[in-house]
Amino acid sequence: MKISLKSVTSYNLLIAISFGLLAIGFYSCSGGGKGTAGSSDTLRQSCINAIHASETQLKTLHTPDAAVYNNAITAYTRFADNFPNDTVSPAYLFNAAGIALSLNQYQRAINLFDTINTKYPSFKKAADCIFIRGFIYDDKLKDTAKARAMYQQVIDKYPNDSLASQARAAIAILGKSYDEVIKEFEEKNKNKK
């Protein structure tokens, strides 16, 4: 495949324009949501435009790009910061936390999931936020005490949720190596026969 200087320049121009639009959206979305109803509507729309621009970039990525991911996190969190009472704010924070997790920004993801649980306790994915925090502590940060606390919180707060049984299973294998877990599983199956 032959790449011409003109196509590279066009691509670079497209990238520069895209980032310019994102920067305008981010800058205009940092006003704090204060002012008249009209300016608040304008600010809200500007924040949404920044989110849509970020989501479009995420969908068109062919290879992971930390800058694009971080811009999306920023767009989501700025909306939630400016419009904490908007019904989409917890969902946007959940998206931001998921992206942070995919970037291996574990503490950032934990903080975002915690913010959701603190500010939006009735959010439909509140149990998921606690469970995922437990998973991060368990699998990524190797902090079994905090992982156990998160899993136990899921069990206590959401005993009828399907995540409660998963949290019980996760507690049962906390601190064990994969080999130990497999060996226990094989022994249980052998005893059942």
Protein backbone atom coordinates (compact mmCIF):
# COMPACT_ATOMS: atom_id res chain seq x y z
CA MET A 1 0.00 0.00 0.00
CA LYS A 2 1.43 3.33 -1.04
CA ILE A 3 0.82 6.28 1.27
CA SER A 4 1.15 9.72 -0.19
CA LEU A 5 2.24 12.84 1.64
CA LYS A 6 -1.13 14.37 0.78
CA SER A 7 -3.05 11.55 2.54
CA VAL A 8 -0.81 11.78 5.61
CA THR A 9 -1.28 15.55 5.72
CA SER A 10 -5.05 15.15 5.35
CA TYR A 11 -5.11 12.58 8.12
CA ASN A 12 -3.04 14.85 10.40
CA LEU A 13 -5.36 17.76 9.63
CA LEU A 14 -8.39 15.61 10.46
CA ILE A 15 -6.81 14.57 13.77
CA ALA A 16 -5.90 18.18 14.59
CA ILE A 17 -9.44 19.35 13.84
CA SER A 18 -10.94 16.52 15.92
CA PHE A 19 -8.75 17.34 18.91
CA GLY A 20 -9.50 21.03 18.42
CA LEU A 21 -13.24 20.34 18.57
CA LEU A 22 -12.77 18.19 21.64
CA ALA A 23 -10.72 20.90 23.32
CA ILE A 24 -13.40 23.50 22.57
CA GLY A 25 -16.03 21.16 23.98
CA PHE A 26 -13.98 20.46 27.11
CA TYR A 27 -13.15 24.13 27.63
CA SER A 28 -16.73 25.24 27.23
CA CYS A 29 -17.92 22.46 29.52
CA SER A 30 -15.85 23.66 32.45
CA GLY A 31 -18.12 26.54 33.43
CA GLY A 32 -19.54 24.87 36.52
CA GLY A 33 -23.17 24.87 35.40
CA LYS A 34 -23.82 28.32 36.87
CA GLY A 35 -25.76 31.11 35.32
CA THR A 36 -29.13 31.40 33.68
CA ALA A 37 -31.20 28.50 32.43
CA GLY A 38 -30.24 29.35 28.84
CA SER A 39 -26.52 29.30 29.60
CA SER A 40 -26.97 26.07 31.56
CA ASP A 41 -28.68 24.49 28.54
CA THR A 42 -25.87 25.68 26.31
CA LEU A 43 -23.28 24.34 28.72
CA ARG A 44 -25.09 21.00 28.95
CA GLN A 45 -25.25 20.71 25.17
CA SER A 46 -21.58 21.61 24.89
CA CYS A 47 -20.70 18.87 27.37
CA ILE A 48 -22.84 16.35 25.49
CA ASN A 49 -21.19 17.37 22.22
CA ALA A 50 -17.77 16.73 23.80
CA ILE A 51 -18.96 13.30 24.95
CA HIS A 52 -20.30 12.44 21.51
CA ALA A 53 -17.05 13.57 19.89
CA SER A 54 -15.09 11.38 22.32
CA GLU A 55 -17.36 8.40 21.74
CA THR A 56 -17.01 8.81 17.98
CA GLN A 57 -13.23 8.80 18.32
CA LEU A 58 -13.36 5.72 20.56
CA LYS A 59 -15.45 3.85 17.99
CA THR A 60 -13.08 4.67 15.15
CA LEU A 61 -9.86 3.68 16.91
CA HIS A 62 -7.98 0.84 15.27
CA THR A 63 -5.38 0.65 18.03
CA PRO A 64 -5.63 1.72 21.66
CA ASP A 65 -4.86 5.39 22.22
CA ALA A 66 -4.48 6.53 25.83
CA ALA A 67 -4.98 10.20 24.93
CA VAL A 68 -8.35 9.49 23.32
CA TYR A 69 -9.38 7.30 26.28
CA ASN A 70 -8.33 9.98 28.77
CA ASN A 71 -10.23 12.63 26.79
CA ALA A 72 -13.35 10.47 27.00
CA ILE A 73 -12.91 10.08 30.77
CA THR A 74 -12.55 13.84 31.06
CA ALA A 75 -15.66 14.48 28.96
CA TYR A 76 -17.76 12.09 31.06
CA THR A 77 -16.53 13.38 34.40
CA ARG A 78 -16.88 17.03 33.43
CA PHE A 79 -20.51 16.45 32.54
CA ALA A 80 -21.14 14.75 35.89
CA ASP A 81 -19.27 17.52 37.75
CA ASN A 82 -21.29 20.23 36.02
CA PHE A 83 -24.62 18.40 36.16
CA PRO A 84 -24.54 16.11 39.20
CA ASN A 85 -28.34 15.92 39.37
CA ASP A 86 -28.78 14.90 35.73
CA THR A 87 -30.08 11.35 35.40
CA VAL A 88 -27.30 10.40 32.95
CA SER A 89 -24.45 11.50 35.24
CA PRO A 90 -24.02 8.15 37.03
CA ALA A 91 -24.03 6.29 33.70
CA TYR A 92 -21.37 8.66 32.35
CA LEU A 93 -19.26 8.11 35.46
CA PHE A 94 -19.69 4.35 35.04
CA ASN A 95 -18.40 4.66 31.45
CA ALA A 96 -15.46 6.75 32.65
CA ALA A 97 -14.62 4.19 35.33
CA GLY A 98 -14.70 1.37 32.78
CA ILE A 99 -12.33 3.24 30.50
CA ALA A 100 -10.00 4.00 33.42
CA LEU A 101 -9.98 0.29 34.27
CA SER A 102 -9.11 -0.59 30.67
CA LEU A 103 -6.17 1.86 30.90
CA ASN A 104 -4.94 0.09 34.06
CA GLN A 105 -5.68 3.27 36.02
CA TYR A 106 -6.95 1.20 38.90
CA GLN A 107 -7.13 3.84 41.61
CA ARG A 108 -8.87 6.24 39.25
CA ALA A 109 -11.42 3.55 38.39
CA ILE A 110 -11.95 2.74 42.08
CA ASN A 111 -12.49 6.43 42.85
CA LEU A 112 -15.03 6.79 40.05
CA PHE A 113 -16.95 3.67 41.10
CA ASP A 114 -16.88 4.92 44.70
CA THR A 115 -18.22 8.32 43.60
CA ILE A 116 -21.14 6.58 41.92
CA ASN A 117 -21.93 4.60 45.07
CA THR A 118 -21.65 7.70 47.24
CA LYS A 119 -23.55 10.19 45.08
CA TYR A 120 -25.94 7.82 43.30
CA PRO A 121 -26.74 4.92 45.67
CA SER A 122 -29.91 4.05 43.73
CA PHE A 123 -28.09 3.80 40.38
CA LYS A 124 -29.12 0.58 38.65
CA LYS A 125 -25.49 -0.61 38.51
CA ALA A 126 -24.61 0.29 42.12
CA ALA A 127 -23.94 -3.37 42.99
CA ASP A 128 -21.71 -3.68 39.93
CA CYS A 129 -19.67 -0.67 41.09
CA ILE A 130 -18.97 -2.29 44.45
CA PHE A 131 -18.25 -5.69 42.93
CA ILE A 132 -15.86 -4.27 40.34
CA ARG A 133 -14.02 -2.36 43.07
CA GLY A 134 -13.64 -5.70 44.86
CA PHE A 135 -12.34 -7.27 41.66
CA ILE A 136 -9.78 -4.49 41.18
CA TYR A 137 -8.54 -4.84 44.75
CA ASP A 138 -8.45 -8.62 44.38
CA ASP A 139 -7.08 -9.24 40.91
CA LYS A 140 -5.18 -6.08 40.08
CA LEU A 141 -3.96 -4.58 43.37
CA LYS A 142 -3.67 -7.85 45.35
CA ASP A 143 -5.29 -6.27 48.42
CA THR A 144 -7.37 -9.16 49.73
CA ALA A 145 -8.62 -7.27 52.81
CA LYS A 146 -10.18 -4.48 50.74
CA ALA A 147 -11.42 -7.00 48.17
CA ARG A 148 -13.12 -9.02 50.91
CA ALA A 149 -14.74 -5.85 52.27
CA MET A 150 -16.12 -4.92 48.85
CA TYR A 151 -17.41 -8.41 48.12
CA GLN A 152 -19.01 -8.59 51.58
CA GLN A 153 -20.65 -5.21 50.95
CA VAL A 154 -22.26 -6.62 47.80
CA ILE A 155 -23.57 -9.59 49.80
CA ASP A 156 -24.88 -7.38 52.61
CA LYS A 157 -26.46 -4.64 50.50
CA TYR A 158 -27.70 -6.73 47.58
CA PRO A 159 -28.35 -10.26 48.90
CA ASN A 160 -30.85 -11.07 46.14
CA ASP A 161 -28.70 -9.75 43.29
CA SER A 162 -26.90 -12.33 41.14
CA LEU A 163 -23.66 -10.56 42.04
CA ALA A 164 -24.09 -11.66 45.67
CA SER A 165 -23.46 -15.29 44.73
CA GLN A 166 -20.49 -14.24 42.62
CA ALA A 167 -19.17 -12.23 45.58
CA ARG A 168 -19.48 -15.31 47.82
CA ALA A 169 -17.54 -17.34 45.26
CA ALA A 170 -14.89 -14.62 45.01
CA ILE A 171 -14.47 -14.55 48.80
CA ALA A 172 -14.04 -18.33 48.81
CA ILE A 173 -11.01 -18.08 46.54
CA LEU A 174 -9.46 -14.85 47.85
CA GLY A 175 -5.71 -15.07 48.22
CA LYS A 176 -5.46 -18.42 46.47
CA SER A 177 -3.41 -19.01 43.37
CA TYR A 178 -5.08 -20.22 40.20
CA ASP A 179 -3.44 -23.62 40.73
CA GLU A 180 -4.92 -23.87 44.22
CA VAL A 181 -8.37 -22.94 42.95
CA ILE A 182 -8.19 -25.52 40.15
CA LYS A 183 -6.97 -28.19 42.55
CA GLU A 184 -9.86 -27.48 44.97
CA PHE A 185 -12.34 -27.56 42.09
CA GLU A 186 -11.00 -30.89 40.86
CA GLU A 187 -11.15 -32.36 44.38
CA LYS A 188 -14.76 -31.23 44.81
CA ASN A 189 -15.71 -32.80 41.49
CA LYS A 190 -13.87 -36.00 42.38
CA ASN A 191 -15.73 -36.22 45.71
CA LYS A 192 -19.10 -35.73 43.97
CA LYS A 193 -18.55 -38.79 41.77
